[in-house]
Protein backbone atom coordinates (compact mmCIF):
# COMPACT_ATOMS: atom_id res chain seq x y z
CA MET A 1 264.56 -32.10 -126.94
CA ILE A 2 260.76 -32.24 -127.12
CA ALA A 3 259.01 -29.93 -124.68
CA PRO A 4 257.05 -32.61 -122.70
CA LEU A 5 260.24 -34.56 -121.92
CA ALA A 6 262.12 -31.40 -120.95
CA LYS A 7 259.32 -30.34 -118.62
CA LEU A 8 259.06 -33.82 -117.11
CA MET A 9 262.76 -33.76 -116.25
CA ASP A 10 262.34 -30.39 -114.53
CA TRP A 11 259.23 -31.56 -112.66
CA LEU A 12 260.99 -34.70 -111.40
CA ALA A 13 263.92 -32.59 -110.21
CA ILE A 14 261.52 -30.38 -108.25
CA GLN A 15 259.89 -33.37 -106.55
CA ALA A 16 263.31 -34.77 -105.63
CA VAL A 17 264.22 -31.50 -103.91
CA THR A 18 260.92 -31.26 -102.03
CA VAL A 19 261.42 -34.74 -100.56
CA MET A 20 264.54 -33.44 -98.78
CA MET A 21 262.89 -30.32 -97.35
CA PRO A 22 262.50 -30.43 -93.53
CA PRO A 23 258.88 -30.20 -92.32
CA ASP A 24 259.58 -27.02 -90.30
CA TYR A 25 261.22 -24.99 -93.05
CA MET A 26 260.15 -21.35 -93.35
CA GLN A 27 259.43 -21.12 -89.63
CA SER A 28 261.53 -17.97 -89.23
CA PRO A 29 262.20 -16.33 -92.62
CA ARG A 30 263.63 -13.02 -91.21
CA LEU A 31 262.56 -11.07 -94.29
CA GLU A 32 262.85 -7.59 -92.76
CA GLU A 33 266.41 -8.22 -91.60
CA ALA A 34 267.29 -9.57 -95.05
CA LEU A 35 265.83 -6.53 -96.84
CA LYS A 36 267.77 -4.16 -94.60
CA PHE A 37 271.01 -6.02 -95.34
CA LEU A 38 270.36 -6.27 -99.10
CA LYS A 39 269.59 -2.57 -99.42
CA GLY A 40 272.58 -1.50 -97.33
CA PRO A 41 276.20 -0.80 -98.32
CA ASP A 42 277.52 -4.04 -96.82
CA PHE A 43 275.77 -6.38 -99.28
CA ILE A 44 278.41 -6.02 -102.00
CA PRO A 45 281.07 -3.48 -100.99
CA ALA A 46 282.98 -1.60 -103.67
CA ASP A 47 286.34 -2.86 -102.45
CA SER A 48 287.56 -6.41 -102.99
CA TYR A 49 290.87 -7.93 -101.92
CA PRO A 50 292.69 -10.92 -103.43
CA ALA A 51 292.22 -14.27 -101.74
CA GLN A 52 295.12 -15.89 -99.94
CA VAL A 53 294.91 -19.12 -101.92
CA GLU A 54 296.63 -22.25 -100.65
CA LEU A 55 297.13 -25.06 -103.16
CA ASP A 56 296.48 -28.58 -101.84
CA GLY A 57 298.22 -30.99 -104.17
CA ALA A 58 297.66 -31.26 -107.91
CA PHE A 59 294.08 -29.96 -108.13
CA ASP A 60 292.55 -28.80 -104.84
CA PHE A 61 292.86 -25.39 -103.23
CA HIS A 62 291.31 -23.48 -100.37
CA PHE A 63 291.23 -20.00 -98.86
CA HIS A 64 289.44 -18.24 -96.03
CA THR A 65 286.28 -16.46 -97.04
CA PRO A 66 286.37 -12.65 -97.02
CA ARG A 67 282.84 -12.71 -95.53
CA PRO A 68 282.98 -15.06 -92.51
CA CYS A 69 279.87 -16.20 -90.67
CA GLU A 70 279.35 -17.89 -87.31
CA LEU A 71 279.59 -21.41 -88.80
CA ALA A 72 283.23 -22.45 -89.08
CA GLU A 73 282.82 -25.08 -91.83
CA ASN A 74 281.36 -22.49 -94.17
CA ASN A 75 284.23 -20.06 -93.69
CA VAL A 76 286.76 -22.09 -95.66
CA VAL A 77 286.31 -21.85 -99.43
CA HIS A 78 287.20 -25.01 -101.36
CA GLY A 79 287.79 -25.42 -105.06
CA ARG A 80 289.62 -27.25 -107.81
CA PHE A 81 292.29 -25.84 -110.08
CA TYR A 82 292.94 -27.23 -113.55
CA ARG A 83 296.18 -25.66 -114.75
CA CYS A 84 296.93 -25.22 -118.44
CA GLY A 85 300.59 -26.20 -118.51
CA GLU A 86 303.41 -25.24 -116.17
CA ARG A 87 303.18 -21.57 -117.14
CA TRP A 88 299.50 -21.34 -116.30
CA GLN A 89 299.94 -17.78 -115.01
CA GLU A 90 300.24 -16.68 -118.65
CA ARG A 91 296.90 -18.20 -119.59
CA PRO A 92 293.36 -16.81 -119.29
CA VAL A 93 291.18 -18.48 -116.64
CA VAL A 94 287.57 -19.66 -116.65
CA ILE A 95 285.92 -19.97 -113.21
CA LEU A 96 283.13 -22.57 -113.23
CA LEU A 97 280.21 -22.03 -110.83
CA HIS A 98 277.72 -24.80 -109.96
CA GLY A 99 274.05 -24.49 -109.10
CA SER A 100 272.22 -25.13 -105.84
CA GLY A 101 273.00 -28.64 -104.57
CA ASP A 102 274.62 -29.35 -107.93
CA SER A 103 277.23 -31.98 -107.12
CA LEU A 104 276.83 -33.52 -110.59
CA ASN A 105 278.43 -30.53 -112.28
CA TYR A 106 281.05 -29.83 -109.63
CA LYS A 107 282.30 -33.41 -109.25
CA PHE A 108 281.83 -34.88 -112.71
CA ARG A 109 280.97 -32.43 -115.47
CA PHE A 110 283.24 -29.53 -114.58
CA PRO A 111 286.42 -31.68 -114.77
CA LEU A 112 285.42 -32.59 -118.34
CA ILE A 113 284.73 -28.96 -119.23
CA ALA A 114 288.05 -27.99 -117.62
CA ARG A 115 289.90 -30.42 -119.90
CA ARG A 116 288.31 -28.82 -122.92
CA CYS A 117 289.31 -25.41 -121.57
CA ASN A 118 292.89 -26.66 -121.20
CA ARG A 119 292.92 -27.87 -124.79
CA ALA A 120 291.75 -24.42 -125.88
CA GLY A 121 294.61 -22.83 -123.95
CA PHE A 122 292.72 -21.77 -120.79
CA THR A 123 293.22 -22.64 -117.16
CA ALA A 124 290.00 -23.55 -115.33
CA ALA A 125 288.94 -23.37 -111.70
CA SER A 126 285.78 -24.36 -109.86
CA LEU A 127 284.45 -23.05 -106.56
CA VAL A 128 282.28 -24.66 -103.90
CA ALA A 129 279.44 -22.26 -103.13
CA PRO A 130 278.58 -21.31 -99.52
CA TYR A 131 276.81 -24.03 -97.50
CA HIS A 132 277.55 -26.71 -100.13
CA PHE A 133 279.36 -30.03 -99.98
CA GLN A 134 282.25 -29.92 -97.45
CA ARG A 135 281.17 -26.40 -96.46
CA ARG A 136 277.78 -27.61 -95.24
CA PRO A 137 277.64 -27.47 -91.41
CA ARG A 138 276.25 -30.66 -89.88
CA GLN A 139 273.70 -28.84 -87.75
CA LEU A 140 271.94 -27.60 -90.89
CA GLY A 141 271.11 -31.13 -92.03
CA GLY A 142 271.04 -32.44 -95.59
CA ALA A 143 268.53 -30.09 -97.23
CA LEU A 144 269.73 -26.98 -99.04
CA GLY A 145 266.55 -24.96 -98.71
CA ASN A 146 266.71 -21.17 -98.43
CA SER A 147 264.13 -20.85 -95.67
CA ASP A 148 266.03 -18.15 -93.77
CA CYS A 149 266.03 -15.03 -95.97
CA LEU A 150 268.78 -13.31 -93.99
CA GLN A 151 271.07 -16.33 -94.15
CA PHE A 152 270.30 -16.66 -97.86
CA ALA A 153 271.17 -12.98 -98.46
CA GLU A 154 274.38 -13.29 -96.45
CA ALA A 155 275.35 -16.46 -98.33
CA THR A 156 274.80 -14.63 -101.61
CA ALA A 157 277.05 -11.78 -100.48
CA GLN A 158 279.60 -14.34 -99.36
CA ALA A 159 279.56 -16.16 -102.71
CA ILE A 160 280.08 -12.96 -104.71
CA ALA A 161 282.87 -11.81 -102.39
CA GLU A 162 284.61 -15.17 -102.85
CA ILE A 163 284.33 -15.04 -106.65
CA ARG A 164 285.81 -11.56 -106.65
CA ALA A 165 288.56 -12.56 -104.23
CA LEU A 166 289.59 -15.51 -106.43
CA THR A 167 289.45 -13.23 -109.48
CA GLY A 168 291.80 -10.81 -107.74
CA TRP A 169 294.24 -13.59 -106.85
CA LEU A 170 294.31 -14.94 -110.41
CA LEU A 171 294.91 -11.51 -111.90
CA GLY A 172 297.56 -10.85 -109.27
CA GLU A 173 299.34 -14.06 -110.28
CA GLY A 174 299.63 -12.66 -113.80
CA CYS A 175 296.71 -14.32 -115.59
CA PRO A 176 295.72 -11.97 -118.45
CA ALA A 177 291.94 -12.42 -118.19
CA VAL A 178 289.28 -14.09 -116.03
CA ALA A 179 285.80 -15.21 -117.14
CA LEU A 180 282.89 -16.67 -115.16
CA TRP A 181 280.78 -19.57 -116.44
CA GLY A 182 277.90 -20.57 -114.20
CA TYR A 183 274.72 -22.61 -114.24
CA SER A 184 271.44 -21.85 -112.46
CA GLN A 185 272.34 -20.35 -109.07
CA GLY A 186 275.98 -20.19 -110.17
CA ALA A 187 274.89 -18.18 -113.22
CA TRP A 188 272.96 -15.87 -110.92
CA TYR A 189 276.11 -15.30 -108.84
CA ALA A 190 278.09 -14.68 -112.03
CA GLY A 191 275.51 -12.14 -113.18
CA MET A 192 275.65 -10.23 -109.90
CA ALA A 193 279.47 -10.25 -110.03
CA ALA A 194 279.32 -8.87 -113.58
CA CYS A 195 277.28 -5.95 -112.23
CA ARG A 196 280.00 -5.11 -109.69
CA ASP A 197 283.39 -6.18 -111.04
CA ALA A 198 284.70 -4.55 -114.22
CA ARG A 199 287.83 -6.73 -114.14
CA LEU A 200 285.92 -9.67 -115.60
CA ALA A 201 286.63 -10.39 -119.25
CA ALA A 202 283.37 -12.27 -119.92
CA VAL A 203 280.48 -14.09 -118.25
CA VAL A 204 278.40 -17.05 -119.40
CA LEU A 205 275.04 -17.44 -117.65
CA GLY A 206 273.55 -20.90 -118.14
CA ALA A 207 269.81 -21.03 -117.33
CA PRO A 208 270.27 -18.18 -114.83
CA CYS A 209 267.98 -17.46 -111.89
CA ALA A 210 267.26 -13.93 -113.06
CA ARG A 211 264.90 -13.30 -110.15
CA LEU A 212 263.42 -15.26 -107.26
CA ASN A 213 260.22 -17.28 -107.70
CA PRO A 214 258.50 -19.98 -105.61
CA TRP A 215 259.48 -22.76 -108.03
CA LEU A 216 259.43 -25.50 -105.39
CA GLU A 217 256.12 -24.61 -103.83
CA GLN A 218 254.29 -24.02 -107.12
CA ARG A 219 254.86 -27.55 -108.43
CA ALA A 220 255.30 -29.62 -105.25
CA LEU A 221 253.21 -32.73 -104.67
CA ARG A 222 254.15 -32.81 -101.01
CA PRO A 223 251.28 -31.07 -99.11
CA GLY A 224 253.52 -29.51 -96.47
CA VAL A 225 255.56 -27.76 -99.15
CA LEU A 226 252.54 -26.77 -101.26
CA ARG A 227 250.92 -25.06 -98.23
CA LYS A 228 253.87 -22.68 -98.02
CA LEU A 229 253.19 -21.22 -101.49
CA PRO A 230 251.40 -17.96 -100.43
CA MET A 231 254.07 -17.12 -97.88
CA VAL A 232 256.99 -17.95 -100.19
CA ARG A 233 255.44 -15.97 -103.04
CA GLU A 234 255.23 -12.93 -100.73
CA LEU A 235 258.86 -13.41 -99.64
CA CYS A 236 260.01 -13.58 -103.26
CA MET A 237 258.13 -10.39 -104.09
CA GLY A 238 259.92 -8.59 -101.27
CA LEU A 239 263.38 -9.93 -102.15
CA ASN A 240 262.88 -9.06 -105.82
CA LEU A 241 262.75 -5.39 -104.84
CA THR A 242 266.48 -5.63 -104.07
CA ALA A 243 269.70 -6.26 -106.01
CA LEU A 244 268.83 -9.97 -106.08
CA ASN A 245 266.62 -9.17 -109.07
CA LEU A 246 269.16 -9.19 -111.91
CA PRO A 247 267.09 -7.29 -114.52
CA THR A 248 267.03 -4.28 -112.18
CA ALA A 249 270.85 -4.03 -112.22
CA GLN A 250 273.27 -3.21 -115.03
CA PRO A 251 276.51 -5.02 -115.92
CA VAL A 252 279.77 -3.11 -115.68
CA ILE A 253 281.40 -5.17 -118.44
CA PRO A 254 280.67 -4.70 -122.17
CA VAL A 255 277.43 -6.28 -123.39
CA ARG A 256 279.35 -8.08 -126.16
CA ASN A 257 281.14 -10.08 -123.44
CA ILE A 258 277.94 -11.55 -121.95
CA LEU A 259 276.35 -14.79 -123.11
CA LEU A 260 272.94 -16.01 -121.92
CA LEU A 261 272.02 -19.69 -122.31
CA GLU A 262 268.23 -19.75 -122.21
CA ALA A 263 266.43 -22.99 -121.38
CA PHE A 264 263.57 -22.45 -123.83
CA HIS A 265 261.33 -25.15 -122.31
CA ASP A 266 261.96 -24.09 -118.69
CA SER A 267 258.61 -22.95 -117.34
CA MET A 268 259.15 -24.18 -113.79
CA ILE A 269 262.56 -23.44 -112.22
CA CYS A 270 264.11 -20.43 -113.99
CA PRO A 271 261.45 -19.50 -116.55
CA LYS A 272 262.55 -18.37 -119.99
CA GLU A 273 260.40 -15.24 -119.56
CA ASP A 274 262.76 -14.11 -116.78
CA THR A 275 265.78 -14.74 -119.01
CA GLU A 276 264.13 -12.71 -121.77
CA ASP A 277 263.54 -9.86 -119.31
CA LEU A 278 267.22 -10.02 -118.35
CA TRP A 279 268.27 -10.03 -122.01
CA ARG A 280 266.25 -6.89 -122.74
CA ALA A 281 267.29 -5.10 -119.52
CA TRP A 282 270.97 -5.74 -120.24
CA GLY A 283 270.91 -4.36 -123.76
CA GLN A 284 270.36 -7.61 -125.68
CA PRO A 285 273.66 -9.46 -125.23
CA ASP A 286 274.31 -12.72 -127.07
CA ILE A 287 271.61 -15.26 -126.24
CA TRP A 288 271.31 -18.89 -127.28
CA ARG A 289 267.74 -20.11 -126.98
CA LEU A 290 268.23 -23.83 -126.44
CA PRO A 291 265.28 -26.24 -126.96
CA HIS A 292 265.70 -27.85 -123.52
CA GLY A 293 264.47 -27.46 -119.97
CA HIS A 294 266.42 -26.27 -116.95
CA VAL A 295 267.82 -29.70 -116.15
CA GLY A 296 268.76 -30.29 -119.78
CA VAL A 297 270.79 -27.09 -120.07
CA CYS A 298 272.42 -27.40 -116.64
CA CYS A 299 273.23 -31.10 -116.66
CA GLY A 300 274.94 -31.60 -119.98
CA VAL A 301 272.08 -32.89 -122.15
CA VAL A 302 272.66 -30.27 -124.89
CA PRO A 303 275.01 -31.85 -127.48
CA GLY A 304 278.23 -29.92 -128.09
CA LEU A 305 277.32 -27.02 -125.81
CA PRO A 306 280.63 -26.79 -123.87
CA GLY A 307 282.61 -26.65 -127.10
CA ARG A 308 280.40 -23.89 -128.48
CA VAL A 309 280.74 -21.87 -125.29
CA ILE A 310 284.53 -22.24 -125.32
CA ASP A 311 284.58 -21.09 -128.96
CA TRP A 312 282.55 -18.04 -127.89
CA LEU A 313 284.92 -17.34 -124.97
CA GLU A 314 288.14 -17.71 -126.95
CA PRO A 315 288.27 -14.28 -128.67
CA ARG A 316 287.09 -12.54 -125.52
CA LEU A 317 289.75 -14.15 -123.33
CA ASN A 318 292.60 -13.93 -125.81
CA ASN A 319 291.98 -10.32 -126.83
CA VAL A 320 294.13 -8.26 -124.46
CA ASN A 321 292.52 -5.01 -125.56
CA THR A 322 289.06 -6.29 -124.59
CA HIS A 323 290.35 -7.26 -121.17
CA MET A 324 291.99 -3.89 -120.62
CA GLN A 325 288.70 -2.16 -121.42
CA ASN A 326 287.11 -4.14 -118.60
CA LYS A 327 289.56 -2.93 -115.97
């Protein structure tokens, strides 16, 4: 894809998000409370327990979050399960993780990717991230802004705990290996999980948010959002001094089992420079530098990309020795 078109798609996506932002966002960011939580032992505890998954019909499942909050709707984790045959417990599993507000992937694209996983001999599952879709409490309104730093940090801890809990349940059911495949914010969650959970067989990070940046405020046309830029830039600088900054952490799975999908023309949302920093910090894992923007990589514009990723995953999921090294 030519760079101007890729950047235009990203810019339009940013303007669409800013339209939904409430006028009073960032009124109470609670940065100090967030920093204390992120730097403490409760952010991502060492221990993780399997989820108590309940299957709801042919595809849907739910379980109670291991990190409950005060909002009841957000405490039930929802997802979809795409079994590979009746003996799915004998098959490796790929957990698909969507980005922020990314209903396109969760509702439409992930089912197609799951079918391709099934044809390759893998079961697939997808998770609804905290505060998304049916987990979004009504009192929070329609926007998915992260204007409360403490709530954002707690939601991140919740998402990682839920990924690890589902991983534990799948392995407990007998599945030989579990991989994570995420886009944007989902890739960021997958990256943080890979720095904490050695049980994972592989991770695929599609246009990952390697660190926080004021991507909305820098490019917004809406004056009320643009005025928040200095404050949001300062908040990002503070939060990037914590474990939220992926290049400052190290994965606990082998580097050969990590794949980065870089959006080469992304200069706005998750800049390629951040992905390059992550690649170097993590020991130069496999990286595919795709000539697309953030939207192009995350929304299925890259021809043949799911098939290529599944081909990359296949030896890592089917090699029992590799999986055992990750335990």
